[in-house]
Amino acid sequence: MKTILNGKQLAITIDRLCHQLIENHLQFEQTVLIGLQPRGIFLSDRIHQTLQQLLPGTHIHYGKLDITFYRDDFNKGTALHVPNETNINFSIENKKVVLIDDVLYTGRTIRSALDAMLDFGRPAAVELLALIDRRFSRQLPIQPDYTGRTIDALISQKVRVLWEQRDGKDEVILVD
């Protein structure tokens, strides 16, 4: 097990990502944030919360998207897929959408999210924010616009993102 980001580094990384979003989207009038269920919402909650602190009085549309039924492996195998909640109570029609996920690995989750997102309108543009980019493991041509940390990991290794509210501490680790 190797620590990629400790709690303090994770907080600094989230703060940096928020400042990059502010730099590119200013007051967020035409921008919406969408966290991907299940694990991306811990990051998207923090991003939204930090942006609200940095831009007091600014309303930022924020939703959570479940992609369970859009996955390309949905009917494969014997595992039962249990959906999470989708909570998007606004239109994304002609908006700039920032998809937020914790780890970008093969790109298949993001492809599924793009399909699912179209049920809520046709966005003007879509950007991707990923806390961790496992850049050499991509199966689809998908790249993040905002990256917390880029790592090179073996296929046999797993990246785990731990969150205070779920795991008791904030940390990103690489597990063999």
N, C-alpha and C. Protein backbone atom coordinates (compact mmCIF):
# COMPACT_ATOMS: atom_id res chain seq x y z
N MET A 1 0.85 -1.18 0.00
CA MET A 1 0.00 0.00 0.00
C MET A 1 0.89 1.24 0.00
N LYS A 2 0.56 2.19 -0.88
CA LYS A 2 1.32 3.43 -1.00
C LYS A 2 0.35 4.60 -0.97
N THR A 3 0.66 5.62 -0.18
CA THR A 3 -0.18 6.81 -0.14
C THR A 3 0.13 7.70 -1.32
N ILE A 4 -0.90 8.04 -2.08
CA ILE A 4 -0.76 8.96 -3.21
C ILE A 4 -1.01 10.39 -2.74
N LEU A 5 -2.09 10.58 -1.98
CA LEU A 5 -2.41 11.88 -1.39
C LEU A 5 -2.84 11.67 0.06
N ASN A 6 -2.21 12.38 0.99
CA ASN A 6 -2.68 12.32 2.37
C ASN A 6 -3.82 13.35 2.52
N GLY A 7 -4.38 13.44 3.70
CA GLY A 7 -5.52 14.32 3.91
C GLY A 7 -5.25 15.78 3.56
N LYS A 8 -4.11 16.29 3.96
CA LYS A 8 -3.77 17.69 3.67
C LYS A 8 -3.56 17.89 2.17
N GLN A 9 -2.86 16.97 1.52
CA GLN A 9 -2.64 17.07 0.08
C GLN A 9 -3.96 16.99 -0.69
N LEU A 10 -4.87 16.14 -0.22
CA LEU A 10 -6.17 16.01 -0.86
C LEU A 10 -6.95 17.32 -0.76
N ALA A 11 -6.93 17.95 0.40
CA ALA A 11 -7.62 19.23 0.58
C ALA A 11 -7.03 20.30 -0.33
N ILE A 12 -5.72 20.35 -0.46
CA ILE A 12 -5.05 21.32 -1.33
C ILE A 12 -5.42 21.05 -2.79
N THR A 13 -5.47 19.79 -3.16
CA THR A 13 -5.81 19.40 -4.53
C THR A 13 -7.23 19.81 -4.88
N ILE A 14 -8.16 19.57 -3.96
CA ILE A 14 -9.56 19.98 -4.19
C ILE A 14 -9.66 21.49 -4.32
N ASP A 15 -8.94 22.20 -3.48
CA ASP A 15 -8.94 23.67 -3.55
C ASP A 15 -8.40 24.14 -4.90
N ARG A 16 -7.33 23.52 -5.38
CA ARG A 16 -6.75 23.88 -6.68
C ARG A 16 -7.74 23.62 -7.81
N LEU A 17 -8.39 22.46 -7.78
CA LEU A 17 -9.38 22.13 -8.80
C LEU A 17 -10.52 23.15 -8.82
N CYS A 18 -10.95 23.58 -7.65
CA CYS A 18 -12.01 24.60 -7.56
C CYS A 18 -11.56 25.93 -8.16
N HIS A 19 -10.33 26.32 -7.90
CA HIS A 19 -9.82 27.57 -8.47
C HIS A 19 -9.71 27.46 -9.99
N GLN A 20 -9.37 26.30 -10.50
CA GLN A 20 -9.33 26.11 -11.95
C GLN A 20 -10.74 26.23 -12.54
N LEU A 21 -11.73 25.66 -11.86
CA LEU A 21 -13.11 25.78 -12.32
C LEU A 21 -13.56 27.23 -12.33
N ILE A 22 -13.23 27.97 -11.27
CA ILE A 22 -13.59 29.39 -11.19
C ILE A 22 -12.92 30.17 -12.32
N GLU A 23 -11.67 29.87 -12.58
CA GLU A 23 -10.93 30.55 -13.65
C GLU A 23 -11.62 30.35 -15.00
N ASN A 24 -12.14 29.15 -15.26
CA ASN A 24 -12.74 28.84 -16.55
C ASN A 24 -14.24 29.12 -16.65
N HIS A 25 -14.93 29.21 -15.50
CA HIS A 25 -16.39 29.36 -15.54
C HIS A 25 -16.89 30.61 -14.83
N LEU A 26 -16.01 31.38 -14.23
CA LEU A 26 -16.34 32.64 -13.56
C LEU A 26 -17.49 32.52 -12.59
N GLN A 27 -18.69 32.97 -12.95
CA GLN A 27 -19.81 32.99 -12.01
C GLN A 27 -20.77 31.80 -12.15
N PHE A 28 -20.49 30.87 -13.02
CA PHE A 28 -21.26 29.63 -13.16
C PHE A 28 -22.71 29.81 -13.61
N GLU A 29 -23.02 30.93 -14.29
CA GLU A 29 -24.39 31.13 -14.76
C GLU A 29 -24.81 30.06 -15.75
N GLN A 30 -23.90 29.63 -16.60
CA GLN A 30 -24.20 28.65 -17.65
C GLN A 30 -23.54 27.30 -17.40
N THR A 31 -23.08 27.08 -16.17
CA THR A 31 -22.34 25.86 -15.84
C THR A 31 -23.07 25.07 -14.76
N VAL A 32 -23.09 23.75 -14.93
CA VAL A 32 -23.65 22.86 -13.91
C VAL A 32 -22.61 21.81 -13.55
N LEU A 33 -22.66 21.36 -12.31
CA LEU A 33 -21.78 20.30 -11.83
C LEU A 33 -22.60 19.03 -11.67
N ILE A 34 -22.06 17.90 -12.12
CA ILE A 34 -22.74 16.62 -11.95
C ILE A 34 -21.73 15.59 -11.44
N GLY A 35 -22.01 15.10 -10.23
CA GLY A 35 -21.18 14.05 -9.64
C GLY A 35 -21.69 12.68 -10.05
N LEU A 36 -20.77 11.77 -10.27
CA LEU A 36 -21.13 10.42 -10.71
C LEU A 36 -21.24 9.48 -9.52
N GLN A 37 -22.39 8.83 -9.41
CA GLN A 37 -22.63 7.83 -8.37
C GLN A 37 -21.85 6.57 -8.69
N PRO A 38 -21.39 5.81 -7.74
CA PRO A 38 -21.52 6.10 -6.31
C PRO A 38 -20.32 6.86 -5.74
N ARG A 39 -19.10 6.63 -6.25
CA ARG A 39 -17.92 7.17 -5.57
C ARG A 39 -17.58 8.61 -5.93
N GLY A 40 -18.00 9.08 -7.08
CA GLY A 40 -17.68 10.44 -7.48
C GLY A 40 -18.40 11.50 -6.69
N ILE A 41 -19.49 11.11 -6.03
CA ILE A 41 -20.26 12.14 -5.31
C ILE A 41 -19.55 12.65 -4.05
N PHE A 42 -18.67 11.85 -3.48
CA PHE A 42 -17.92 12.36 -2.32
C PHE A 42 -17.02 13.51 -2.77
N LEU A 43 -16.38 13.36 -3.93
CA LEU A 43 -15.56 14.43 -4.48
C LEU A 43 -16.44 15.60 -4.93
N SER A 44 -17.53 15.32 -5.64
CA SER A 44 -18.37 16.41 -6.15
C SER A 44 -19.02 17.19 -5.00
N ASP A 45 -19.37 16.51 -3.92
CA ASP A 45 -19.90 17.23 -2.74
C ASP A 45 -18.85 18.22 -2.22
N ARG A 46 -17.61 17.77 -2.13
CA ARG A 46 -16.52 18.64 -1.65
C ARG A 46 -16.26 19.79 -2.62
N ILE A 47 -16.27 19.49 -3.91
CA ILE A 47 -16.05 20.54 -4.92
C ILE A 47 -17.15 21.59 -4.80
N HIS A 48 -18.40 21.15 -4.76
CA HIS A 48 -19.52 22.08 -4.67
C HIS A 48 -19.45 22.91 -3.39
N GLN A 49 -19.18 22.25 -2.28
CA GLN A 49 -19.09 22.93 -0.99
C GLN A 49 -17.97 23.97 -1.00
N THR A 50 -16.82 23.62 -1.55
CA THR A 50 -15.68 24.55 -1.60
C THR A 50 -15.98 25.73 -2.52
N LEU A 51 -16.61 25.46 -3.67
CA LEU A 51 -16.98 26.55 -4.57
C LEU A 51 -17.96 27.51 -3.90
N GLN A 52 -18.92 26.98 -3.14
CA GLN A 52 -19.89 27.82 -2.44
C GLN A 52 -19.17 28.72 -1.42
N GLN A 53 -18.11 28.19 -0.79
CA GLN A 53 -17.35 28.99 0.17
C GLN A 53 -16.52 30.06 -0.55
N LEU A 54 -15.96 29.71 -1.70
CA LEU A 54 -15.12 30.64 -2.45
C LEU A 54 -15.94 31.71 -3.17
N LEU A 55 -17.18 31.37 -3.52
CA LEU A 55 -18.06 32.29 -4.25
C LEU A 55 -19.38 32.49 -3.49
N PRO A 56 -19.33 33.11 -2.31
CA PRO A 56 -20.56 33.26 -1.52
C PRO A 56 -21.64 34.01 -2.30
N GLY A 57 -22.86 33.52 -2.19
CA GLY A 57 -23.98 34.15 -2.87
C GLY A 57 -24.18 33.69 -4.31
N THR A 58 -23.26 32.88 -4.83
CA THR A 58 -23.38 32.38 -6.19
C THR A 58 -24.13 31.06 -6.17
N HIS A 59 -25.17 30.96 -7.00
CA HIS A 59 -25.91 29.71 -7.10
C HIS A 59 -25.25 28.83 -8.16
N ILE A 60 -24.86 27.64 -7.76
CA ILE A 60 -24.24 26.69 -8.68
C ILE A 60 -25.12 25.46 -8.74
N HIS A 61 -25.67 25.19 -9.93
CA HIS A 61 -26.49 23.98 -10.10
C HIS A 61 -25.61 22.76 -9.89
N TYR A 62 -26.10 21.84 -9.05
CA TYR A 62 -25.33 20.64 -8.72
C TYR A 62 -26.26 19.45 -8.66
N GLY A 63 -25.89 18.40 -9.39
CA GLY A 63 -26.69 17.19 -9.39
C GLY A 63 -25.83 15.95 -9.26
N LYS A 64 -26.52 14.83 -9.05
CA LYS A 64 -25.86 13.53 -8.91
C LYS A 64 -26.48 12.58 -9.92
N LEU A 65 -25.63 11.85 -10.63
CA LEU A 65 -26.08 11.00 -11.73
C LEU A 65 -25.69 9.55 -11.48
N ASP A 66 -26.70 8.67 -11.56
CA ASP A 66 -26.44 7.23 -11.47
C ASP A 66 -26.38 6.67 -12.89
N ILE A 67 -25.36 5.87 -13.17
CA ILE A 67 -25.18 5.33 -14.52
C ILE A 67 -25.40 3.83 -14.59
N THR A 68 -25.91 3.23 -13.55
CA THR A 68 -26.04 1.78 -13.46
C THR A 68 -26.63 1.16 -14.72
N PHE A 69 -27.76 1.68 -15.18
CA PHE A 69 -28.46 1.07 -16.31
C PHE A 69 -27.89 1.47 -17.67
N TYR A 70 -26.87 2.30 -17.66
CA TYR A 70 -26.22 2.73 -18.90
C TYR A 70 -24.86 2.04 -19.10
N ARG A 71 -24.44 1.26 -18.12
CA ARG A 71 -23.14 0.58 -18.21
C ARG A 71 -23.15 -0.47 -19.31
N ASP A 72 -22.02 -0.64 -19.98
CA ASP A 72 -21.95 -1.64 -21.04
C ASP A 72 -21.82 -3.06 -20.49
N ASP A 73 -21.62 -3.19 -19.19
CA ASP A 73 -21.57 -4.51 -18.57
C ASP A 73 -22.80 -4.79 -17.70
N PHE A 74 -23.87 -3.99 -17.89
CA PHE A 74 -25.05 -4.11 -17.04
C PHE A 74 -25.65 -5.52 -17.04
N ASN A 75 -25.82 -6.13 -18.19
CA ASN A 75 -26.42 -7.46 -18.26
C ASN A 75 -25.40 -8.59 -18.33
N LYS A 76 -24.16 -8.31 -18.03
CA LYS A 76 -23.11 -9.32 -18.07
C LYS A 76 -22.90 -9.92 -16.68
N GLY A 77 -22.63 -11.20 -16.62
CA GLY A 77 -22.32 -11.83 -15.34
C GLY A 77 -23.55 -12.05 -14.48
N THR A 78 -23.28 -12.48 -13.27
CA THR A 78 -24.37 -12.81 -12.35
C THR A 78 -24.54 -11.80 -11.23
N ALA A 79 -23.66 -10.80 -11.19
CA ALA A 79 -23.74 -9.80 -10.13
C ALA A 79 -24.99 -8.94 -10.30
N LEU A 80 -25.66 -8.70 -9.19
CA LEU A 80 -26.84 -7.85 -9.19
C LEU A 80 -26.39 -6.39 -9.07
N HIS A 81 -26.79 -5.57 -10.02
CA HIS A 81 -26.44 -4.16 -9.99
C HIS A 81 -27.52 -3.40 -9.23
N VAL A 82 -27.14 -2.72 -8.17
CA VAL A 82 -28.07 -1.95 -7.37
C VAL A 82 -27.89 -0.47 -7.70
N PRO A 83 -28.92 0.16 -8.25
CA PRO A 83 -28.77 1.56 -8.64
C PRO A 83 -28.71 2.49 -7.43
N ASN A 84 -28.07 3.63 -7.65
CA ASN A 84 -28.04 4.71 -6.68
C ASN A 84 -29.02 5.79 -7.14
N GLU A 85 -29.13 6.83 -6.37
CA GLU A 85 -30.08 7.89 -6.69
C GLU A 85 -29.52 8.85 -7.73
N THR A 86 -30.36 9.20 -8.69
CA THR A 86 -30.06 10.31 -9.59
C THR A 86 -30.86 11.50 -9.09
N ASN A 87 -30.18 12.62 -8.92
CA ASN A 87 -30.83 13.83 -8.44
C ASN A 87 -30.36 15.00 -9.28
N ILE A 88 -31.05 15.22 -10.39
CA ILE A 88 -30.77 16.37 -11.26
C ILE A 88 -32.11 17.05 -11.48
N ASN A 89 -32.35 18.11 -10.74
CA ASN A 89 -33.65 18.80 -10.81
C ASN A 89 -33.56 20.09 -11.62
N PHE A 90 -32.77 20.05 -12.68
CA PHE A 90 -32.62 21.20 -13.57
C PHE A 90 -32.29 20.66 -14.96
N SER A 91 -32.49 21.49 -15.96
CA SER A 91 -32.17 21.11 -17.34
C SER A 91 -30.70 21.40 -17.60
N ILE A 92 -30.08 20.54 -18.37
CA ILE A 92 -28.70 20.81 -18.78
C ILE A 92 -28.66 21.31 -20.23
N GLU A 93 -29.83 21.56 -20.78
CA GLU A 93 -29.94 22.04 -22.17
C GLU A 93 -29.11 23.31 -22.36
N ASN A 94 -28.17 23.26 -23.30
CA ASN A 94 -27.29 24.38 -23.65
C ASN A 94 -26.43 24.89 -22.49
N LYS A 95 -26.22 24.07 -21.48
CA LYS A 95 -25.35 24.43 -20.36
C LYS A 95 -23.97 23.79 -20.55
N LYS A 96 -22.99 24.33 -19.86
CA LYS A 96 -21.68 23.69 -19.77
C LYS A 96 -21.74 22.74 -18.59
N VAL A 97 -21.52 21.47 -18.84
CA VAL A 97 -21.60 20.45 -17.79
C VAL A 97 -20.19 20.02 -17.39
N VAL A 98 -19.94 20.01 -16.09
CA VAL A 98 -18.69 19.47 -15.57
C VAL A 98 -19.03 18.16 -14.87
N LEU A 99 -18.63 17.04 -15.48
CA LEU A 99 -18.80 15.72 -14.86
C LEU A 99 -17.66 15.53 -13.87
N ILE A 100 -17.99 15.00 -12.69
CA ILE A 100 -16.98 14.84 -11.63
C ILE A 100 -16.96 13.39 -11.17
N ASP A 101 -15.75 12.78 -11.22
CA ASP A 101 -15.57 11.41 -10.74
C ASP A 101 -14.24 11.32 -10.01
N ASP A 102 -14.13 10.32 -9.14
CA ASP A 102 -12.92 10.21 -8.34
C ASP A 102 -11.73 9.65 -9.11
N VAL A 103 -11.92 8.55 -9.84
CA VAL A 103 -10.81 7.91 -10.56
C VAL A 103 -11.21 7.68 -12.01
N LEU A 104 -10.39 8.17 -12.92
CA LEU A 104 -10.58 7.89 -14.34
C LEU A 104 -9.64 6.74 -14.69
N TYR A 105 -10.23 5.62 -15.10
CA TYR A 105 -9.45 4.41 -15.36
C TYR A 105 -9.60 4.02 -16.82
N THR A 106 -10.58 3.21 -17.17
CA THR A 106 -10.74 2.76 -18.56
C THR A 106 -11.50 3.76 -19.41
N GLY A 107 -12.30 4.61 -18.80
CA GLY A 107 -13.11 5.58 -19.53
C GLY A 107 -14.54 5.10 -19.73
N ARG A 108 -14.83 3.85 -19.38
CA ARG A 108 -16.17 3.29 -19.61
C ARG A 108 -17.24 3.92 -18.72
N THR A 109 -16.89 4.29 -17.52
CA THR A 109 -17.84 4.97 -16.64
C THR A 109 -18.25 6.32 -17.24
N ILE A 110 -17.28 7.04 -17.78
CA ILE A 110 -17.57 8.34 -18.35
C ILE A 110 -18.41 8.19 -19.61
N ARG A 111 -18.14 7.19 -20.43
CA ARG A 111 -18.96 6.93 -21.62
C ARG A 111 -20.39 6.68 -21.21
N SER A 112 -20.59 5.90 -20.17
CA SER A 112 -21.94 5.63 -19.65
C SER A 112 -22.59 6.91 -19.14
N ALA A 113 -21.81 7.74 -18.47
CA ALA A 113 -22.34 8.99 -17.94
C ALA A 113 -22.78 9.93 -19.07
N LEU A 114 -22.04 9.94 -20.15
CA LEU A 114 -22.42 10.78 -21.29
C LEU A 114 -23.76 10.33 -21.86
N ASP A 115 -23.97 9.02 -21.95
CA ASP A 115 -25.26 8.49 -22.42
C ASP A 115 -26.38 8.87 -21.45
N ALA A 116 -26.17 8.65 -20.16
CA ALA A 116 -27.20 8.92 -19.15
C ALA A 116 -27.54 10.41 -19.09
N MET A 117 -26.54 11.25 -19.23
CA MET A 117 -26.72 12.69 -19.11
C MET A 117 -27.67 13.23 -20.19
N LEU A 118 -27.68 12.63 -21.35
CA LEU A 118 -28.52 13.12 -22.45
C LEU A 118 -30.01 13.03 -22.15
N ASP A 119 -30.39 12.22 -21.15
CA ASP A 119 -31.79 12.18 -20.72
C ASP A 119 -32.23 13.49 -20.08
N PHE A 120 -31.28 14.35 -19.73
CA PHE A 120 -31.59 15.60 -19.05
C PHE A 120 -31.40 16.82 -19.95
N GLY A 121 -31.14 16.59 -21.23
CA GLY A 121 -30.96 17.69 -22.17
C GLY A 121 -29.67 17.53 -22.95
N ARG A 122 -29.51 18.43 -23.91
CA ARG A 122 -28.31 18.42 -24.75
C ARG A 122 -27.41 19.57 -24.31
N PRO A 123 -26.29 19.26 -23.67
CA PRO A 123 -25.43 20.34 -23.17
C PRO A 123 -24.70 21.06 -24.30
N ALA A 124 -24.29 22.29 -24.03
CA ALA A 124 -23.47 23.04 -24.97
C ALA A 124 -22.06 22.47 -25.02
N ALA A 125 -21.57 22.01 -23.87
CA ALA A 125 -20.22 21.44 -23.77
C ALA A 125 -20.16 20.57 -22.53
N VAL A 126 -19.25 19.61 -22.54
CA VAL A 126 -19.04 18.73 -21.39
C VAL A 126 -17.56 18.71 -21.07
N GLU A 127 -17.25 18.90 -19.79
CA GLU A 127 -15.87 18.79 -19.31
C GLU A 127 -15.83 17.70 -18.25
N LEU A 128 -14.64 17.15 -18.04
CA LEU A 128 -14.46 16.09 -17.06
C LEU A 128 -13.44 16.50 -16.02
N LEU A 129 -13.83 16.36 -14.76
CA LEU A 129 -12.92 16.59 -13.64
C LEU A 129 -12.72 15.24 -12.96
N ALA A 130 -11.47 14.81 -12.86
CA ALA A 130 -11.14 13.55 -12.18
C ALA A 130 -10.07 13.81 -11.13
N LEU A 131 -10.29 13.29 -9.94
CA LEU A 131 -9.30 13.45 -8.89
C LEU A 131 -8.02 12.71 -9.25
N ILE A 132 -8.16 11.47 -9.72
CA ILE A 132 -7.01 10.64 -10.10
C ILE A 132 -7.18 10.18 -11.54
N ASP A 133 -6.16 10.39 -12.35
CA ASP A 133 -6.16 9.93 -13.74
C ASP A 133 -5.13 8.81 -13.87
N ARG A 134 -5.64 7.60 -14.12
CA ARG A 134 -4.75 6.46 -14.40
C ARG A 134 -4.55 6.42 -15.92
N ARG A 135 -3.67 7.24 -16.40
CA ARG A 135 -3.60 7.57 -17.82
C ARG A 135 -3.25 6.43 -18.77
N PHE A 136 -2.56 5.42 -18.34
CA PHE A 136 -2.15 4.36 -19.26
C PHE A 136 -3.10 3.17 -19.26
N SER A 137 -4.29 3.34 -18.73
CA SER A 137 -5.24 2.24 -18.64
C SER A 137 -6.50 2.48 -19.46
N ARG A 138 -6.50 3.50 -20.30
CA ARG A 138 -7.70 3.88 -21.02
C ARG A 138 -8.07 2.88 -22.10
N GLN A 139 -9.35 2.57 -22.19
CA GLN A 139 -9.89 1.73 -23.26
C GLN A 139 -10.68 2.55 -24.26
N LEU A 140 -11.02 3.77 -23.89
CA LEU A 140 -11.78 4.68 -24.75
C LEU A 140 -11.04 6.02 -24.81
N PRO A 141 -11.22 6.78 -25.89
CA PRO A 141 -10.49 8.05 -26.02
C PRO A 141 -11.11 9.17 -25.18
N ILE A 142 -10.97 9.06 -23.89
CA ILE A 142 -11.55 10.02 -22.94
C ILE A 142 -10.42 10.54 -22.06
N GLN A 143 -10.33 11.87 -21.94
CA GLN A 143 -9.29 12.51 -21.14
C GLN A 143 -9.92 13.56 -20.24
N PRO A 144 -9.39 13.75 -19.04
CA PRO A 144 -9.95 14.77 -18.15
C PRO A 144 -9.50 16.18 -18.54
N ASP A 145 -10.39 17.14 -18.28
CA ASP A 145 -10.04 18.55 -18.47
C ASP A 145 -9.39 19.11 -17.21
N TYR A 146 -9.76 18.54 -16.07
CA TYR A 146 -9.22 18.95 -14.77
C TYR A 146 -8.76 17.67 -14.06
N THR A 147 -7.52 17.66 -13.62
CA THR A 147 -6.96 16.47 -12.99
C THR A 147 -6.31 16.84 -11.67
N GLY A 148 -6.65 16.08 -10.62
CA GLY A 148 -6.00 16.28 -9.34
C GLY A 148 -4.60 15.73 -9.35
N ARG A 149 -4.45 14.48 -9.75
CA ARG A 149 -3.14 13.83 -9.80
C ARG A 149 -3.17 12.77 -10.89
N THR A 150 -2.12 12.71 -11.68
CA THR A 150 -1.97 11.67 -12.70
C THR A 150 -1.00 10.63 -12.16
N ILE A 151 -1.40 9.36 -12.25
CA ILE A 151 -0.52 8.31 -11.76
C ILE A 151 -0.36 7.22 -12.82
N ASP A 152 0.74 6.53 -12.72
CA ASP A 152 0.99 5.35 -13.54
C ASP A 152 0.90 4.16 -12.59
N ALA A 153 -0.04 3.27 -12.86
CA ALA A 153 -0.24 2.11 -11.99
C ALA A 153 -0.37 0.86 -12.84
N LEU A 154 0.05 -0.24 -12.29
CA LEU A 154 -0.11 -1.52 -12.96
C LEU A 154 -1.59 -1.90 -12.98
N ILE A 155 -1.97 -2.70 -13.95
CA ILE A 155 -3.37 -3.15 -14.04
C ILE A 155 -3.79 -3.89 -12.78
N SER A 156 -2.85 -4.59 -12.14
CA SER A 156 -3.16 -5.36 -10.94
C SER A 156 -3.35 -4.47 -9.70
N GLN A 157 -2.95 -3.21 -9.78
CA GLN A 157 -3.07 -2.31 -8.64
C GLN A 157 -4.41 -1.59 -8.67
N LYS A 158 -4.90 -1.24 -7.50
CA LYS A 158 -6.16 -0.53 -7.35
C LYS A 158 -5.90 0.82 -6.69
N VAL A 159 -6.62 1.83 -7.15
CA VAL A 159 -6.58 3.14 -6.50
C VAL A 159 -7.82 3.24 -5.64
N ARG A 160 -7.63 3.51 -4.35
CA ARG A 160 -8.76 3.68 -3.43
C ARG A 160 -8.75 5.11 -2.91
N VAL A 161 -9.89 5.75 -3.01
CA VAL A 161 -10.06 7.10 -2.48
C VAL A 161 -10.89 6.97 -1.21
N LEU A 162 -10.30 7.36 -0.11
CA LEU A 162 -10.97 7.29 1.20
C LEU A 162 -11.47 8.68 1.57
N TRP A 163 -12.69 8.72 2.11
CA TRP A 163 -13.31 9.98 2.50
C TRP A 163 -13.68 9.94 3.98
N GLU A 164 -13.48 11.06 4.64
CA GLU A 164 -13.75 11.19 6.08
C GLU A 164 -15.14 10.69 6.44
N GLN A 165 -16.17 11.14 5.72
CA GLN A 165 -17.54 10.79 6.09
C GLN A 165 -17.88 9.32 5.87
N ARG A 166 -17.14 8.63 5.02
CA ARG A 166 -17.42 7.22 4.77
C ARG A 166 -16.38 6.30 5.41
N ASP A 167 -15.10 6.69 5.33
CA ASP A 167 -14.01 5.80 5.73
C ASP A 167 -13.26 6.25 6.98
N GLY A 168 -13.61 7.41 7.51
CA GLY A 168 -12.98 7.88 8.73
C GLY A 168 -11.74 8.74 8.51
N LYS A 169 -11.27 8.84 7.26
CA LYS A 169 -10.14 9.73 6.95
C LYS A 169 -10.11 10.02 5.46
N ASP A 170 -9.49 11.14 5.12
CA ASP A 170 -9.30 11.52 3.72
C ASP A 170 -7.92 11.06 3.29
N GLU A 171 -7.89 10.25 2.22
CA GLU A 171 -6.60 9.76 1.73
C GLU A 171 -6.83 9.05 0.40
N VAL A 172 -5.83 9.09 -0.47
CA VAL A 172 -5.83 8.32 -1.71
C VAL A 172 -4.67 7.36 -1.64
N ILE A 173 -4.96 6.07 -1.82
CA ILE A 173 -3.90 5.06 -1.70
C ILE A 173 -3.88 4.16 -2.94
N LEU A 174 -2.71 3.59 -3.19
CA LEU A 174 -2.51 2.61 -4.25
C LEU A 174 -2.29 1.27 -3.57
N VAL A 175 -3.14 0.30 -3.90
CA VAL A 175 -3.11 -1.01 -3.26
C VAL A 175 -2.67 -2.07 -4.28
N ASP A 176 -1.71 -2.88 -3.87
CA ASP A 176 -1.25 -3.98 -4.75
C ASP A 176 -2.17 -5.17 -4.69
